Every structure is written in C-alpha cells, then in structure tokens.
C-alpha cells in the first residue's frame, strides 16, 4: 500500500513536470524570436556607434572638432554660463580629489590652505549652478579640513 502511494505521487509529479516541459517547449520559439530581435537591435546599434566613432576619427584626422567639448555649442548666454560653470565645478572636483590624495604626503599646512580655498571656490560654483536650476546638480556641502563634511554649510536650490 505504501509503495502504491509513492508510485502514485511520483506519477503525479512526473505528469506536472511533463506538462511544464510541454508549455516551455511551446514558448521556446517565441522566446527565440524575441532574442533574435534583441540581437538584431543590438547589432544595429553597435554598427551605428562604430560609424559615429569612424566619423569622429575622420574629423580628428582632418583637424576638425573631435571632442565633445568642441562639439557642444551653447544656444544662449545662460546656457553658455551653465556649461562653463559645470566645467568649473568638475575641475574643482578633480582638484579636491588630488589635494586630498596628497594631504598625507605633502606639507600639511600648505595643502590645507589649498583645500580650503578650492573648497570655497567649489562651493560657490555649485551654488551658482543650483541657482541656475541645473537639473543634474547635486548640491553637497564642501569638505572641511581633514576631509570631513561641514554640516553647517549647505545650500538648496530655490
């Protein structure tokens, strides 16, 4: 009796698995078509990117505009100011990174003065971008001496 029950349960389980496998077998062609469509779209996008890169390389060889900074053109004075301020903010980020890297290896007092001055300039740049309403501007407080964030200094866009 116990053996019959186990055989029946195994048969039920195998029947369920067989039904699942049959349904999977029916969906495989549709899934294969979807995968082929995605592969074709990726191949087309890859070809478009390669063509664009070849175009940039050709421009560079001819002495034309080859970098994004040379291709981006502001539409008005406000956007020009925004582009310049964004570049300035990114430059301050780079300066702060380099200064913080050197704080352990260089004369600490001179590096701290440089960090303080750069942090003030960076903060002003970020504040101006926030007031200009730059959507991608993350307004964070500047770093204090020693690399700690000052909690009393922060600005929020209006």
C-alpha atoms as a PDB file:
ATOM      1  CA  UNK A   1       0.000   0.000   0.000  1.00  0.00           C
ATOM      2  CA  UNK A   2       2.807   2.369   0.908  1.00  0.00           C
ATOM      3  CA  UNK A   3       4.619   1.578  -2.357  1.00  0.00           C
ATOM      4  CA  UNK A   4       1.469   2.242  -4.380  1.00  0.00           C
ATOM      5  CA  UNK A   5       1.067   5.649  -2.723  1.00  0.00           C
ATOM      6  CA  UNK A   6       4.666   6.584  -3.510  1.00  0.00           C
ATOM      7  CA  UNK A   7       4.270   5.450  -7.114  1.00  0.00           C
ATOM      8  CA  UNK A   8       1.077   7.482  -7.469  1.00  0.00           C
ATOM      9  CA  UNK A   9       2.753  10.600  -6.031  1.00  0.00           C
ATOM     10  CA  UNK A  10       5.714  10.139  -8.376  1.00  0.00           C
ATOM     11  CA  UNK A  11       3.347   9.728 -11.323  1.00  0.00           C
ATOM     12  CA  UNK A  12       1.504  12.930 -10.371  1.00  0.00           C
ATOM     13  CA  UNK A  13       4.805  14.800 -10.032  1.00  0.00           C
ATOM     14  CA  UNK A  14       6.068  13.480 -13.375  1.00  0.00           C
ATOM     15  CA  UNK A  15       2.787  14.450 -15.029  1.00  0.00           C
ATOM     16  CA  UNK A  16       3.144  18.001 -13.649  1.00  0.00           C
ATOM     17  CA  UNK A  17       6.750  18.217 -14.842  1.00  0.00           C
ATOM     18  CA  UNK A  18       5.790  16.876 -18.275  1.00  0.00           C
ATOM     19  CA  UNK A  19       3.042  19.491 -18.591  1.00  0.00           C
ATOM     20  CA  UNK A  20       5.523  22.216 -17.580  1.00  0.00           C
ATOM     21  CA  UNK A  21       8.089  20.987 -20.109  1.00  0.00           C
ATOM     22  CA  UNK A  22       5.458  20.926 -22.869  1.00  0.00           C
ATOM     23  CA  UNK A  23       4.432  24.511 -22.093  1.00  0.00           C
ATOM     24  CA  UNK A  24       8.097  25.547 -22.118  1.00  0.00           C
ATOM     25  CA  UNK A  25       8.546  23.773 -25.445  1.00  0.00           C
ATOM     26  CA  UNK A  26       5.682  25.832 -26.882  1.00  0.00           C
ATOM     27  CA  UNK A  27       7.138  29.135 -25.607  1.00  0.00           C
ATOM     28  CA  UNK A  28      10.697  28.471 -26.800  1.00  0.00           C
ATOM     29  CA  UNK A  29      10.096  29.546 -30.439  1.00  0.00           C
ATOM     30  CA  UNK A  30       8.537  32.827 -29.266  1.00  0.00           C
ATOM     31  CA  UNK A  31      11.416  33.433 -26.869  1.00  0.00           C
ATOM     32  CA  UNK A  32      13.918  32.640 -29.622  1.00  0.00           C
ATOM     33  CA  UNK A  33      12.223  35.196 -31.894  1.00  0.00           C
ATOM     34  CA  UNK A  34      12.400  37.818 -29.134  1.00  0.00           C
ATOM     35  CA  UNK A  35      16.084  37.080 -28.548  1.00  0.00           C
ATOM     36  CA  UNK A  36      16.791  37.373 -32.271  1.00  0.00           C
ATOM     37  CA  UNK A  37      15.013  40.744 -32.356  1.00  0.00           C
ATOM     38  CA  UNK A  38      17.070  41.991 -29.410  1.00  0.00           C
ATOM     39  CA  UNK A  39      20.263  40.696 -31.043  1.00  0.00           C
ATOM     40  CA  UNK A  40      19.398  42.476 -34.287  1.00  0.00           C
ATOM     41  CA  UNK A  41      18.681  45.729 -32.439  1.00  0.00           C
ATOM     42  CA  UNK A  42      21.995  45.439 -30.557  1.00  0.00           C
ATOM     43  CA  UNK A  43      23.877  44.727 -33.787  1.00  0.00           C
ATOM     44  CA  UNK A  44      22.263  47.754 -35.470  1.00  0.00           C
ATOM     45  CA  UNK A  45      23.120  49.984 -32.518  1.00  0.00           C
ATOM     46  CA  UNK A  46      26.675  48.673 -32.487  1.00  0.00           C
ATOM     47  CA  UNK A  47      27.048  49.470 -36.193  1.00  0.00           C
ATOM     48  CA  UNK A  48      25.680  52.984 -35.634  1.00  0.00           C
ATOM     49  CA  UNK A  49      28.154  53.569 -32.805  1.00  0.00           C
ATOM     50  CA  UNK A  50      31.038  52.258 -34.911  1.00  0.00           C
ATOM     51  CA  UNK A  51      30.018  54.595 -37.767  1.00  0.00           C
ATOM     52  CA  UNK A  52      29.909  57.529 -35.370  1.00  0.00           C
ATOM     53  CA  UNK A  53      33.330  56.661 -33.969  1.00  0.00           C
ATOM     54  CA  UNK A  54      34.725  56.415 -37.503  1.00  0.00           C
ATOM     55  CA  UNK A  55      33.243  59.832 -38.231  1.00  0.00           C
ATOM     56  CA  UNK A  56      34.925  61.317 -35.154  1.00  0.00           C
ATOM     57  CA  UNK A  57      38.216  59.691 -36.126  1.00  0.00           C
ATOM     58  CA  UNK A  58      37.942  61.143 -39.638  1.00  0.00           C
ATOM     59  CA  UNK A  59      37.202  64.592 -38.205  1.00  0.00           C
ATOM     60  CA  UNK A  60      40.176  64.302 -35.902  1.00  0.00           C
ATOM     61  CA  UNK A  61      42.471  63.353 -38.805  1.00  0.00           C
ATOM     62  CA  UNK A  62      41.202  66.321 -40.793  1.00  0.00           C
ATOM     63  CA  UNK A  63      41.749  68.644 -37.849  1.00  0.00           C
ATOM     64  CA  UNK A  64      38.048  69.131 -37.219  1.00  0.00           C
ATOM     65  CA  UNK A  65      36.089  69.136 -33.998  1.00  0.00           C
ATOM     66  CA  UNK A  66      36.818  65.818 -32.344  1.00  0.00           C
ATOM     67  CA  UNK A  67      35.961  66.215 -28.704  1.00  0.00           C
ATOM     68  CA  UNK A  68      32.608  66.647 -27.048  1.00  0.00           C
ATOM     69  CA  UNK A  69      33.713  69.984 -25.595  1.00  0.00           C
ATOM     70  CA  UNK A  70      34.346  71.254 -29.112  1.00  0.00           C
ATOM     71  CA  UNK A  71      31.057  69.927 -30.459  1.00  0.00           C
ATOM     72  CA  UNK A  72      28.733  71.219 -27.699  1.00  0.00           C
ATOM     73  CA  UNK A  73      27.590  74.731 -28.538  1.00  0.00           C
ATOM     74  CA  UNK A  74      25.515  76.810 -26.123  1.00  0.00           C
ATOM     75  CA  UNK A  75      22.272  78.204 -27.516  1.00  0.00           C
ATOM     76  CA  UNK A  76      22.308  81.393 -25.442  1.00  0.00           C
ATOM     77  CA  UNK A  77      24.326  83.259 -22.835  1.00  0.00           C
ATOM     78  CA  UNK A  78      22.620  81.487 -19.961  1.00  0.00           C
ATOM     79  CA  UNK A  79      23.436  78.013 -21.280  1.00  0.00           C
ATOM     80  CA  UNK A  80      26.987  79.143 -22.036  1.00  0.00           C
ATOM     81  CA  UNK A  81      27.361  80.249 -18.431  1.00  0.00           C
ATOM     82  CA  UNK A  82      25.920  76.908 -17.305  1.00  0.00           C
ATOM     83  CA  UNK A  83      28.389  74.946 -19.444  1.00  0.00           C
ATOM     84  CA  UNK A  84      31.330  76.976 -18.155  1.00  0.00           C
ATOM     85  CA  UNK A  85      30.178  76.645 -14.561  1.00  0.00           C
ATOM     86  CA  UNK A  86      29.668  72.884 -14.958  1.00  0.00           C
ATOM     87  CA  UNK A  87      33.195  72.570 -16.310  1.00  0.00           C
ATOM     88  CA  UNK A  88      34.491  74.692 -13.434  1.00  0.00           C
ATOM     89  CA  UNK A  89      32.657  72.504 -10.898  1.00  0.00           C
ATOM     90  CA  UNK A  90      34.119  69.348 -12.441  1.00  0.00           C
ATOM     91  CA  UNK A  91      37.582  70.898 -12.373  1.00  0.00           C
ATOM     92  CA  UNK A  92      37.175  71.728  -8.681  1.00  0.00           C
ATOM     93  CA  UNK A  93      36.125  68.157  -8.026  1.00  0.00           C
ATOM     94  CA  UNK A  94      39.339  66.967  -9.681  1.00  0.00           C
ATOM     95  CA  UNK A  95      41.432  69.479  -7.735  1.00  0.00           C
ATOM     96  CA  UNK A  96      39.850  68.452  -4.431  1.00  0.00           C
ATOM     97  CA  UNK A  97      40.496  64.799  -5.189  1.00  0.00           C
ATOM     98  CA  UNK A  98      44.157  65.424  -5.967  1.00  0.00           C
ATOM     99  CA  UNK A  99      44.642  67.634  -2.915  1.00  0.00           C
ATOM    100  CA  UNK A 100      43.037  65.114  -0.583  1.00  0.00           C
ATOM    101  CA  UNK A 101      45.277  62.405  -2.054  1.00  0.00           C
ATOM    102  CA  UNK A 102      48.385  64.458  -1.303  1.00  0.00           C
ATOM    103  CA  UNK A 103      47.456  65.569   2.209  1.00  0.00           C
ATOM    104  CA  UNK A 104      49.354  62.659   3.757  1.00  0.00           C
ATOM    105  CA  UNK A 105      52.487  63.039   1.666  1.00  0.00           C
ATOM    106  CA  UNK A 106      52.968  66.817   1.445  1.00  0.00           C
ATOM    107  CA  UNK A 107      53.348  69.716   3.840  1.00  0.00           C
ATOM    108  CA  UNK A 108      50.024  69.543   5.654  1.00  0.00           C
ATOM    109  CA  UNK A 109      49.605  73.293   6.313  1.00  0.00           C
ATOM    110  CA  UNK A 110      50.089  74.375   2.700  1.00  0.00           C
ATOM    111  CA  UNK A 111      47.833  71.588   1.422  1.00  0.00           C
ATOM    112  CA  UNK A 112      45.143  72.538   3.944  1.00  0.00           C
ATOM    113  CA  UNK A 113      45.196  76.158   2.723  1.00  0.00           C
ATOM    114  CA  UNK A 114      44.853  74.979  -0.864  1.00  0.00           C
ATOM    115  CA  UNK A 115      41.993  72.669   0.101  1.00  0.00           C
ATOM    116  CA  UNK A 116      40.206  75.444   1.970  1.00  0.00           C
ATOM    117  CA  UNK A 117      40.499  77.839  -0.985  1.00  0.00           C
ATOM    118  CA  UNK A 118      39.459  75.196  -3.529  1.00  0.00           C
ATOM    119  CA  UNK A 119      36.519  74.108  -1.354  1.00  0.00           C
ATOM    120  CA  UNK A 120      35.294  77.698  -1.137  1.00  0.00           C
ATOM    121  CA  UNK A 121      35.515  78.101  -4.920  1.00  0.00           C
ATOM    122  CA  UNK A 122      33.867  74.724  -5.471  1.00  0.00           C
ATOM    123  CA  UNK A 123      31.025  75.625  -3.124  1.00  0.00           C
ATOM    124  CA  UNK A 124      30.457  78.923  -4.942  1.00  0.00           C
ATOM    125  CA  UNK A 125      30.381  77.138  -8.303  1.00  0.00           C
ATOM    126  CA  UNK A 126      27.876  74.541  -7.099  1.00  0.00           C
ATOM    127  CA  UNK A 127      25.726  77.259  -5.523  1.00  0.00           C
ATOM    128  CA  UNK A 128      25.636  79.196  -8.793  1.00  0.00           C
ATOM    129  CA  UNK A 129      24.665  76.061 -10.720  1.00  0.00           C
ATOM    130  CA  UNK A 130      21.918  75.338  -8.192  1.00  0.00           C
ATOM    131  CA  UNK A 131      20.547  78.863  -8.567  1.00  0.00           C
ATOM    132  CA  UNK A 132      20.654  78.473 -12.350  1.00  0.00           C
ATOM    133  CA  UNK A 133      18.427  75.436 -11.920  1.00  0.00           C
ATOM    134  CA  UNK A 134      20.770  72.840 -13.402  1.00  0.00           C
ATOM    135  CA  UNK A 135      18.751  69.588 -13.052  1.00  0.00           C
ATOM    136  CA  UNK A 136      21.789  67.318 -12.626  1.00  0.00           C
ATOM    137  CA  UNK A 137      23.486  69.457  -9.991  1.00  0.00           C
ATOM    138  CA  UNK A 138      23.880  67.649  -6.709  1.00  0.00           C
ATOM    139  CA  UNK A 139      24.330  70.257  -4.042  1.00  0.00           C
ATOM    140  CA  UNK A 140      26.600  68.915  -1.350  1.00  0.00           C
ATOM    141  CA  UNK A 141      28.407  70.746   1.407  1.00  0.00           C
ATOM    142  CA  UNK A 142      32.119  71.385   0.864  1.00  0.00           C
ATOM    143  CA  UNK A 143      34.767  69.386   2.627  1.00  0.00           C
ATOM    144  CA  UNK A 144      36.238  70.812   5.787  1.00  0.00           C
ATOM    145  CA  UNK A 145      39.830  70.421   6.870  1.00  0.00           C
ATOM    146  CA  UNK A 146      40.715  66.760   7.189  1.00  0.00           C
ATOM    147  CA  UNK A 147      38.167  65.620   4.637  1.00  0.00           C
ATOM    148  CA  UNK A 148      35.094  65.795   6.906  1.00  0.00           C
ATOM    149  CA  UNK A 149      31.896  67.287   5.610  1.00  0.00           C
ATOM    150  CA  UNK A 150      30.811  70.501   7.336  1.00  0.00           C
ATOM    151  CA  UNK A 151      27.213  70.071   8.415  1.00  0.00           C
ATOM    152  CA  UNK A 152      26.577  73.785   8.911  1.00  0.00           C
ATOM    153  CA  UNK A 153      27.210  74.651   5.246  1.00  0.00           C
ATOM    154  CA  UNK A 154      24.761  73.562   2.627  1.00  0.00           C
ATOM    155  CA  UNK A 155      22.578  75.210   0.068  1.00  0.00           C
ATOM    156  CA  UNK A 156      19.402  74.136  -1.592  1.00  0.00           C
ATOM    157  CA  UNK A 157      18.166  75.258  -4.995  1.00  0.00           C
ATOM    158  CA  UNK A 158      15.263  77.699  -4.954  1.00  0.00           C
END
